Amino acid sequence: MEEKIKELTLLLLYLNSWIEKEPYGEFHRAWKGYDFDILNALEDEHLIGGSTHKAKSTYLTEEGVEKAKELMKKYNIKED
């Protein structure tokens, strides 16, 4: 069950993300209003980053964006 929660959390982070331009590239950034244990697990898997305790948002890594796109196909979700 935990694996599905991680997948769906990553998918929700992606679906609710916005593109933020920074001097070193563009990132999908999202508010991190999800279970911190799950967020920590996603960060340990290098799917999200910048998730310090004081930060209210996180960003999806390139691997995280690719995984989220795979999950969209798995769960039959079409991007608008």
PDB file of N, CA and C in Angstrom:
ATOM      1  N   MET A   1       0.820  -1.199   0.000  1.00  0.00           N
ATOM      2  CA  MET A   1       0.000   0.000   0.000  1.00  0.00           C
ATOM      3  C   MET A   1       0.863   1.261   0.000  1.00  0.00           C
ATOM      4  N   GLU A   2       1.994   1.220   0.746  1.00  0.00           N
ATOM      5  CA  GLU A   2       2.852   2.407   0.821  1.00  0.00           C
ATOM      6  C   GLU A   2       3.372   2.804  -0.561  1.00  0.00           C
ATOM      7  N   GLU A   3       3.663   1.817  -1.404  1.00  0.00           N
ATOM      8  CA  GLU A   3       4.165   2.122  -2.751  1.00  0.00           C
ATOM      9  C   GLU A   3       3.118   2.888  -3.548  1.00  0.00           C
ATOM     10  N   LYS A   4       1.856   2.504  -3.442  1.00  0.00           N
ATOM     11  CA  LYS A   4       0.781   3.218  -4.147  1.00  0.00           C
ATOM     12  C   LYS A   4       0.630   4.637  -3.608  1.00  0.00           C
ATOM     13  N   ILE A   5       0.761   4.812  -2.304  1.00  0.00           N
ATOM     14  CA  ILE A   5       0.673   6.151  -1.715  1.00  0.00           C
ATOM     15  C   ILE A   5       1.812   7.020  -2.235  1.00  0.00           C
ATOM     16  N   LYS A   6       3.017   6.455  -2.322  1.00  0.00           N
ATOM     17  CA  LYS A   6       4.148   7.206  -2.872  1.00  0.00           C
ATOM     18  C   LYS A   6       3.885   7.589  -4.327  1.00  0.00           C
ATOM     19  N   GLU A   7       3.382   6.637  -5.102  1.00  0.00           N
ATOM     20  CA  GLU A   7       3.090   6.914  -6.511  1.00  0.00           C
ATOM     21  C   GLU A   7       2.063   8.032  -6.639  1.00  0.00           C
ATOM     22  N   LEU A   8       0.994   7.925  -5.888  1.00  0.00           N
ATOM     23  CA  LEU A   8      -0.082   8.914  -6.005  1.00  0.00           C
ATOM     24  C   LEU A   8       0.346  10.278  -5.462  1.00  0.00           C
ATOM     25  N   THR A   9       1.182  10.293  -4.437  1.00  0.00           N
ATOM     26  CA  THR A   9       1.704  11.564  -3.933  1.00  0.00           C
ATOM     27  C   THR A   9       2.569  12.232  -4.982  1.00  0.00           C
ATOM     28  N   LEU A  10       3.465  11.461  -5.609  1.00  0.00           N
ATOM     29  CA  LEU A  10       4.293  12.018  -6.678  1.00  0.00           C
ATOM     30  C   LEU A  10       3.416  12.526  -7.818  1.00  0.00           C
ATOM     31  N   LEU A  11       2.409  11.774  -8.172  1.00  0.00           N
ATOM     32  CA  LEU A  11       1.506  12.172  -9.247  1.00  0.00           C
ATOM     33  C   LEU A  11       0.777  13.469  -8.892  1.00  0.00           C
ATOM     34  N   LEU A  12       0.291  13.588  -7.667  1.00  0.00           N
ATOM     35  CA  LEU A  12      -0.377  14.819  -7.242  1.00  0.00           C
ATOM     36  C   LEU A  12       0.594  16.004  -7.210  1.00  0.00           C
ATOM     37  N   LEU A  13       1.819  15.773  -6.763  1.00  0.00           N
ATOM     38  CA  LEU A  13       2.823  16.843  -6.792  1.00  0.00           C
ATOM     39  C   LEU A  13       3.013  17.337  -8.225  1.00  0.00           C
ATOM     40  N   TYR A  14       3.108  16.396  -9.157  1.00  0.00           N
ATOM     41  CA  TYR A  14       3.299  16.764 -10.566  1.00  0.00           C
ATOM     42  C   TYR A  14       2.079  17.500 -11.116  1.00  0.00           C
ATOM     43  N   LEU A  15       0.898  16.966 -10.864  1.00  0.00           N
ATOM     44  CA  LEU A  15      -0.317  17.569 -11.419  1.00  0.00           C
ATOM     45  C   LEU A  15      -0.590  18.961 -10.852  1.00  0.00           C
ATOM     46  N   ASN A  16      -0.126  19.227  -9.639  1.00  0.00           N
ATOM     47  CA  ASN A  16      -0.330  20.528  -9.009  1.00  0.00           C
ATOM     48  C   ASN A  16       0.879  21.446  -9.141  1.00  0.00           C
ATOM     49  N   SER A  17       1.860  21.036  -9.891  1.00  0.00           N
ATOM     50  CA  SER A  17       3.103  21.813  -9.976  1.00  0.00           C
ATOM     51  C   SER A  17       2.987  22.951 -10.979  1.00  0.00           C
ATOM     52  N   TRP A  18       3.899  23.880 -10.847  1.00  0.00           N
ATOM     53  CA  TRP A  18       4.049  24.977 -11.791  1.00  0.00           C
ATOM     54  C   TRP A  18       5.513  25.032 -12.194  1.00  0.00           C
ATOM     55  N   ILE A  19       5.780  25.637 -13.346  1.00  0.00           N
ATOM     56  CA  ILE A  19       7.156  25.772 -13.830  1.00  0.00           C
ATOM     57  C   ILE A  19       7.757  27.022 -13.210  1.00  0.00           C
ATOM     58  N   GLU A  20       8.893  26.841 -12.575  1.00  0.00           N
ATOM     59  CA  GLU A  20       9.607  27.960 -11.982  1.00  0.00           C
ATOM     60  C   GLU A  20      10.969  28.075 -12.661  1.00  0.00           C
ATOM     61  N   LYS A  21      11.240  29.255 -13.173  1.00  0.00           N
ATOM     62  CA  LYS A  21      12.518  29.485 -13.853  1.00  0.00           C
ATOM     63  C   LYS A  21      13.517  30.023 -12.849  1.00  0.00           C
ATOM     64  N   GLU A  22      14.655  29.365 -12.795  1.00  0.00           N
ATOM     65  CA  GLU A  22      15.728  29.781 -11.905  1.00  0.00           C
ATOM     66  C   GLU A  22      16.985  29.955 -12.749  1.00  0.00           C
ATOM     67  N   PRO A  23      17.989  30.613 -12.215  1.00  0.00           N
ATOM     68  CA  PRO A  23      19.205  30.853 -13.003  1.00  0.00           C
ATOM     69  C   PRO A  23      19.836  29.585 -13.570  1.00  0.00           C
ATOM     70  N   TYR A  24      19.632  28.444 -12.922  1.00  0.00           N
ATOM     71  CA  TYR A  24      20.257  27.198 -13.389  1.00  0.00           C
ATOM     72  C   TYR A  24      19.258  26.231 -14.013  1.00  0.00           C
ATOM     73  N   GLY A  25      18.114  26.720 -14.438  1.00  0.00           N
ATOM     74  CA  GLY A  25      17.169  25.881 -15.164  1.00  0.00           C
ATOM     75  C   GLY A  25      15.725  26.097 -14.762  1.00  0.00           C
ATOM     76  N   GLU A  26      14.850  25.282 -15.321  1.00  0.00           N
ATOM     77  CA  GLU A  26      13.432  25.314 -15.011  1.00  0.00           C
ATOM     78  C   GLU A  26      13.085  24.086 -14.187  1.00  0.00           C
ATOM     79  N   PHE A  27      12.180  24.267 -13.227  1.00  0.00           N
ATOM     80  CA  PHE A  27      11.777  23.165 -12.368  1.00  0.00           C
ATOM     81  C   PHE A  27      10.270  23.148 -12.204  1.00  0.00           C
ATOM     82  N   HIS A  28       9.738  21.958 -12.035  1.00  0.00           N
ATOM     83  CA  HIS A  28       8.345  21.795 -11.621  1.00  0.00           C
ATOM     84  C   HIS A  28       8.358  21.930 -10.106  1.00  0.00           C
ATOM     85  N   ARG A  29       7.733  22.976  -9.571  1.00  0.00           N
ATOM     86  CA  ARG A  29       7.699  23.203  -8.127  1.00  0.00           C
ATOM     87  C   ARG A  29       6.267  22.979  -7.645  1.00  0.00           C
ATOM     88  N   ALA A  30       6.123  22.425  -6.437  1.00  0.00           N
ATOM     89  CA  ALA A  30       4.800  22.128  -5.890  1.00  0.00           C
ATOM     90  C   ALA A  30       4.804  22.350  -4.382  1.00  0.00           C
ATOM     91  N   TRP A  31       3.640  22.695  -3.842  1.00  0.00           N
ATOM     92  CA  TRP A  31       3.489  22.820  -2.400  1.00  0.00           C
ATOM     93  C   TRP A  31       3.554  21.438  -1.790  1.00  0.00           C
ATOM     94  N   LYS A  32       4.173  21.330  -0.640  1.00  0.00           N
ATOM     95  CA  LYS A  32       4.339  20.007  -0.039  1.00  0.00           C
ATOM     96  C   LYS A  32       3.395  19.788   1.133  1.00  0.00           C
ATOM     97  N   GLY A  33       2.131  19.707   0.856  1.00  0.00           N
ATOM     98  CA  GLY A  33       1.115  19.468   1.873  1.00  0.00           C
ATOM     99  C   GLY A  33       0.777  17.992   1.996  1.00  0.00           C
ATOM    100  N   TYR A  34       1.789  17.146   1.980  1.00  0.00           N
ATOM    101  CA  TYR A  34       1.585  15.707   2.038  1.00  0.00           C
ATOM    102  C   TYR A  34       2.377  15.125   3.203  1.00  0.00           C
ATOM    103  N   ASP A  35       2.134  13.891   3.524  1.00  0.00           N
ATOM    104  CA  ASP A  35       2.804  13.196   4.616  1.00  0.00           C
ATOM    105  C   ASP A  35       4.324  13.312   4.466  1.00  0.00           C
ATOM    106  N   PHE A  36       4.979  13.776   5.535  1.00  0.00           N
ATOM    107  CA  PHE A  36       6.416  14.013   5.453  1.00  0.00           C
ATOM    108  C   PHE A  36       7.225  12.730   5.298  1.00  0.00           C
ATOM    109  N   ASP A  37       6.747  11.620   5.834  1.00  0.00           N
ATOM    110  CA  ASP A  37       7.451  10.357   5.635  1.00  0.00           C
ATOM    111  C   ASP A  37       7.456   9.967   4.163  1.00  0.00           C
ATOM    112  N   ILE A  38       6.344  10.195   3.489  1.00  0.00           N
ATOM    113  CA  ILE A  38       6.259   9.902   2.055  1.00  0.00           C
ATOM    114  C   ILE A  38       7.151  10.859   1.276  1.00  0.00           C
ATOM    115  N   LEU A  39       7.097  12.153   1.621  1.00  0.00           N
ATOM    116  CA  LEU A  39       7.965  13.121   0.947  1.00  0.00           C
ATOM    117  C   LEU A  39       9.434  12.765   1.148  1.00  0.00           C
ATOM    118  N   ASN A  40       9.795  12.357   2.351  1.00  0.00           N
ATOM    119  CA  ASN A  40      11.183  11.960   2.605  1.00  0.00           C
ATOM    120  C   ASN A  40      11.571  10.748   1.766  1.00  0.00           C
ATOM    121  N   ALA A  41      10.661   9.792   1.628  1.00  0.00           N
ATOM    122  CA  ALA A  41      10.935   8.610   0.808  1.00  0.00           C
ATOM    123  C   ALA A  41      11.121   9.001  -0.657  1.00  0.00           C
ATOM    124  N   LEU A  42      10.281   9.916  -1.156  1.00  0.00           N
ATOM    125  CA  LEU A  42      10.421  10.376  -2.542  1.00  0.00           C
ATOM    126  C   LEU A  42      11.747  11.108  -2.732  1.00  0.00           C
ATOM    127  N   GLU A  43      12.164  11.861  -1.717  1.00  0.00           N
ATOM    128  CA  GLU A  43      13.448  12.559  -1.807  1.00  0.00           C
ATOM    129  C   GLU A  43      14.598  11.553  -1.757  1.00  0.00           C
ATOM    130  N   ASP A  44      14.489  10.532  -0.923  1.00  0.00           N
ATOM    131  CA  ASP A  44      15.521   9.493  -0.855  1.00  0.00           C
ATOM    132  C   ASP A  44      15.678   8.781  -2.196  1.00  0.00           C
ATOM    133  N   GLU A  45      14.587   8.689  -2.947  1.00  0.00           N
ATOM    134  CA  GLU A  45      14.620   8.052  -4.269  1.00  0.00           C
ATOM    135  C   GLU A  45      14.988   9.048  -5.371  1.00  0.00           C
ATOM    136  N   HIS A  46      15.332  10.263  -5.001  1.00  0.00           N
ATOM    137  CA  HIS A  46      15.746  11.334  -5.924  1.00  0.00           C
ATOM    138  C   HIS A  46      14.655  11.707  -6.916  1.00  0.00           C
ATOM    139  N   LEU A  47      13.393  11.617  -6.491  1.00  0.00           N
ATOM    140  CA  LEU A  47      12.270  12.009  -7.339  1.00  0.00           C
ATOM    141  C   LEU A  47      11.839  13.442  -7.063  1.00  0.00           C
ATOM    142  N   ILE A  48      12.126  13.927  -5.850  1.00  0.00           N
ATOM    143  CA  ILE A  48      11.897  15.329  -5.502  1.00  0.00           C
ATOM    144  C   ILE A  48      13.144  15.834  -4.786  1.00  0.00           C
ATOM    145  N   GLY A  49      13.249  17.155  -4.659  1.00  0.00           N
ATOM    146  CA  GLY A  49      14.406  17.736  -3.983  1.00  0.00           C
ATOM    147  C   GLY A  49      14.061  19.055  -3.338  1.00  0.00           C
ATOM    148  N   GLY A  50      15.021  19.602  -2.586  1.00  0.00           N
ATOM    149  CA  GLY A  50      14.833  20.900  -1.961  1.00  0.00           C
ATOM    150  C   GLY A  50      13.759  20.898  -0.900  1.00  0.00           C
ATOM    151  N   SER A  51      13.561  19.770  -0.266  1.00  0.00           N
ATOM    152  CA  SER A  51      12.455  19.613   0.674  1.00  0.00           C
ATOM    153  C   SER A  51      12.928  19.777   2.114  1.00  0.00           C
ATOM    154  N   THR A  52      13.580  20.894   2.413  1.00  0.00           N
ATOM    155  CA  THR A  52      14.042  21.114   3.775  1.00  0.00           C
ATOM    156  C   THR A  52      12.841  21.322   4.691  1.00  0.00           C
ATOM    157  N   HIS A  53      13.061  21.183   5.967  1.00  0.00           N
ATOM    158  CA  HIS A  53      11.956  21.286   6.929  1.00  0.00           C
ATOM    159  C   HIS A  53      11.281  22.653   6.907  1.00  0.00           C
ATOM    160  N   LYS A  54      12.022  23.711   6.633  1.00  0.00           N
ATOM    161  CA  LYS A  54      11.443  25.055   6.648  1.00  0.00           C
ATOM    162  C   LYS A  54      10.760  25.419   5.331  1.00  0.00           C
ATOM    163  N   ALA A  55      11.127  24.741   4.246  1.00  0.00           N
ATOM    164  CA  ALA A  55      10.567  25.060   2.937  1.00  0.00           C
ATOM    165  C   ALA A  55       9.113  24.607   2.850  1.00  0.00           C
ATOM    166  N   LYS A  56       8.288  25.421   2.219  1.00  0.00           N
ATOM    167  CA  LYS A  56       6.879  25.071   2.053  1.00  0.00           C
ATOM    168  C   LYS A  56       6.610  24.426   0.703  1.00  0.00           C
ATOM    169  N   SER A  57       7.632  24.431  -0.147  1.00  0.00           N
ATOM    170  CA  SER A  57       7.469  23.805  -1.458  1.00  0.00           C
ATOM    171  C   SER A  57       8.669  22.911  -1.726  1.00  0.00           C
ATOM    172  N   THR A  58       8.523  22.087  -2.732  1.00  0.00           N
ATOM    173  CA  THR A  58       9.573  21.183  -3.165  1.00  0.00           C
ATOM    174  C   THR A  58       9.617  21.232  -4.684  1.00  0.00           C
ATOM    175  N   TYR A  59      10.624  20.627  -5.288  1.00  0.00           N
ATOM    176  CA  TYR A  59      10.642  20.552  -6.742  1.00  0.00           C
ATOM    177  C   TYR A  59      10.790  19.106  -7.175  1.00  0.00           C
ATOM    178  N   LEU A  60      10.280  18.819  -8.349  1.00  0.00           N
ATOM    179  CA  LEU A  60      10.415  17.486  -8.915  1.00  0.00           C
ATOM    180  C   LEU A  60      11.703  17.436  -9.722  1.00  0.00           C
ATOM    181  N   THR A  61      12.501  16.393  -9.512  1.00  0.00           N
ATOM    182  CA  THR A  61      13.709  16.205 -10.297  1.00  0.00           C
ATOM    183  C   THR A  61      13.307  15.745 -11.697  1.00  0.00           C
ATOM    184  N   GLU A  62      14.280  15.698 -12.597  1.00  0.00           N
ATOM    185  CA  GLU A  62      13.984  15.188 -13.939  1.00  0.00           C
ATOM    186  C   GLU A  62      13.450  13.762 -13.855  1.00  0.00           C
ATOM    187  N   GLU A  63      14.058  12.965 -12.967  1.00  0.00           N
ATOM    188  CA  GLU A  63      13.590  11.591 -12.776  1.00  0.00           C
ATOM    189  C   GLU A  63      12.164  11.581 -12.232  1.00  0.00           C
ATOM    190  N   GLY A  64      11.864  12.522 -11.336  1.00  0.00           N
ATOM    191  CA  GLY A  64      10.528  12.614 -10.769  1.00  0.00           C
ATOM    192  C   GLY A  64       9.477  12.968 -11.802  1.00  0.00           C
ATOM    193  N   VAL A  65       9.818  13.897 -12.690  1.00  0.00           N
ATOM    194  CA  VAL A  65       8.891  14.282 -13.754  1.00  0.00           C
ATOM    195  C   VAL A  65       8.647  13.097 -14.681  1.00  0.00           C
ATOM    196  N   GLU A  66       9.710  12.384 -15.052  1.00  0.00           N
ATOM    197  CA  GLU A  66       9.558  11.219 -15.936  1.00  0.00           C
ATOM    198  C   GLU A  66       8.717  10.133 -15.271  1.00  0.00           C
ATOM    199  N   LYS A  67       8.974   9.877 -13.993  1.00  0.00           N
ATOM    200  CA  LYS A  67       8.203   8.872 -13.257  1.00  0.00           C
ATOM    201  C   LYS A  67       6.737   9.292 -13.167  1.00  0.00           C
ATOM    202  N   ALA A  68       6.476  10.581 -12.915  1.00  0.00           N
ATOM    203  CA  ALA A  68       5.100  11.075 -12.835  1.00  0.00           C
ATOM    204  C   ALA A  68       4.385  10.891 -14.174  1.00  0.00           C
ATOM    205  N   LYS A  69       5.094  11.127 -15.262  1.00  0.00           N
ATOM    206  CA  LYS A  69       4.484  10.934 -16.590  1.00  0.00           C
ATOM    207  C   LYS A  69       4.168   9.463 -16.833  1.00  0.00           C
ATOM    208  N   GLU A  70       5.044   8.563 -16.366  1.00  0.00           N
ATOM    209  CA  GLU A  70       4.769   7.130 -16.469  1.00  0.00           C
ATOM    210  C   GLU A  70       3.536   6.767 -15.646  1.00  0.00           C
ATOM    211  N   LEU A  71       3.427   7.366 -14.465  1.00  0.00           N
ATOM    212  CA  LEU A  71       2.282   7.089 -13.594  1.00  0.00           C
ATOM    213  C   LEU A  71       0.982   7.605 -14.201  1.00  0.00           C
ATOM    214  N   MET A  72       1.056   8.694 -14.948  1.00  0.00           N
ATOM    215  CA  MET A  72      -0.147   9.197 -15.625  1.00  0.00           C
ATOM    216  C   MET A  72      -0.657   8.146 -16.597  1.00  0.00           C
ATOM    217  N   LYS A  73       0.263   7.505 -17.310  1.00  0.00           N
ATOM    218  CA  LYS A  73      -0.136   6.441 -18.239  1.00  0.00           C
ATOM    219  C   LYS A  73      -0.689   5.248 -17.470  1.00  0.00           C
ATOM    220  N   LYS A  74       0.001   4.878 -16.385  1.00  0.00           N
ATOM    221  CA  LYS A  74      -0.422   3.727 -15.583  1.00  0.00           C
ATOM    222  C   LYS A  74      -1.836   3.909 -15.050  1.00  0.00           C
ATOM    223  N   TYR A  75      -2.146   5.111 -14.587  1.00  0.00           N
ATOM    224  CA  TYR A  75      -3.461   5.392 -14.005  1.00  0.00           C
ATOM    225  C   TYR A  75      -4.440   5.992 -15.018  1.00  0.00           C
ATOM    226  N   ASN A  76      -4.046   5.969 -16.289  1.00  0.00           N
ATOM    227  CA  ASN A  76      -4.898   6.422 -17.390  1.00  0.00           C
ATOM    228  C   ASN A  76      -5.384   7.865 -17.197  1.00  0.00           C
ATOM    229  N   ILE A  77      -4.439   8.761 -16.898  1.00  0.00           N
ATOM    230  CA  ILE A  77      -4.740  10.181 -16.723  1.00  0.00           C
ATOM    231  C   ILE A  77      -4.139  10.919 -17.910  1.00  0.00           C
ATOM    232  N   LYS A  78      -4.954  11.713 -18.566  1.00  0.00           N
ATOM    233  CA  LYS A  78      -4.481  12.486 -19.715  1.00  0.00           C
ATOM    234  C   LYS A  78      -4.169  13.902 -19.283  1.00  0.00           C
ATOM    235  N   GLU A  79      -3.049  14.414 -19.789  1.00  0.00           N
ATOM    236  CA  GLU A  79      -2.656  15.785 -19.476  1.00  0.00           C
ATOM    237  C   GLU A  79      -3.436  16.746 -20.361  1.00  0.00           C
ATOM    238  N   ASP A  80      -3.937  17.821 -19.764  1.00  0.00           N
ATOM    239  CA  ASP A  80      -4.708  18.813 -20.534  1.00  0.00           C
ATOM    240  C   ASP A  80      -3.816  19.630 -21.422  1.00  0.00           C
TER     241      ASP A  80
END
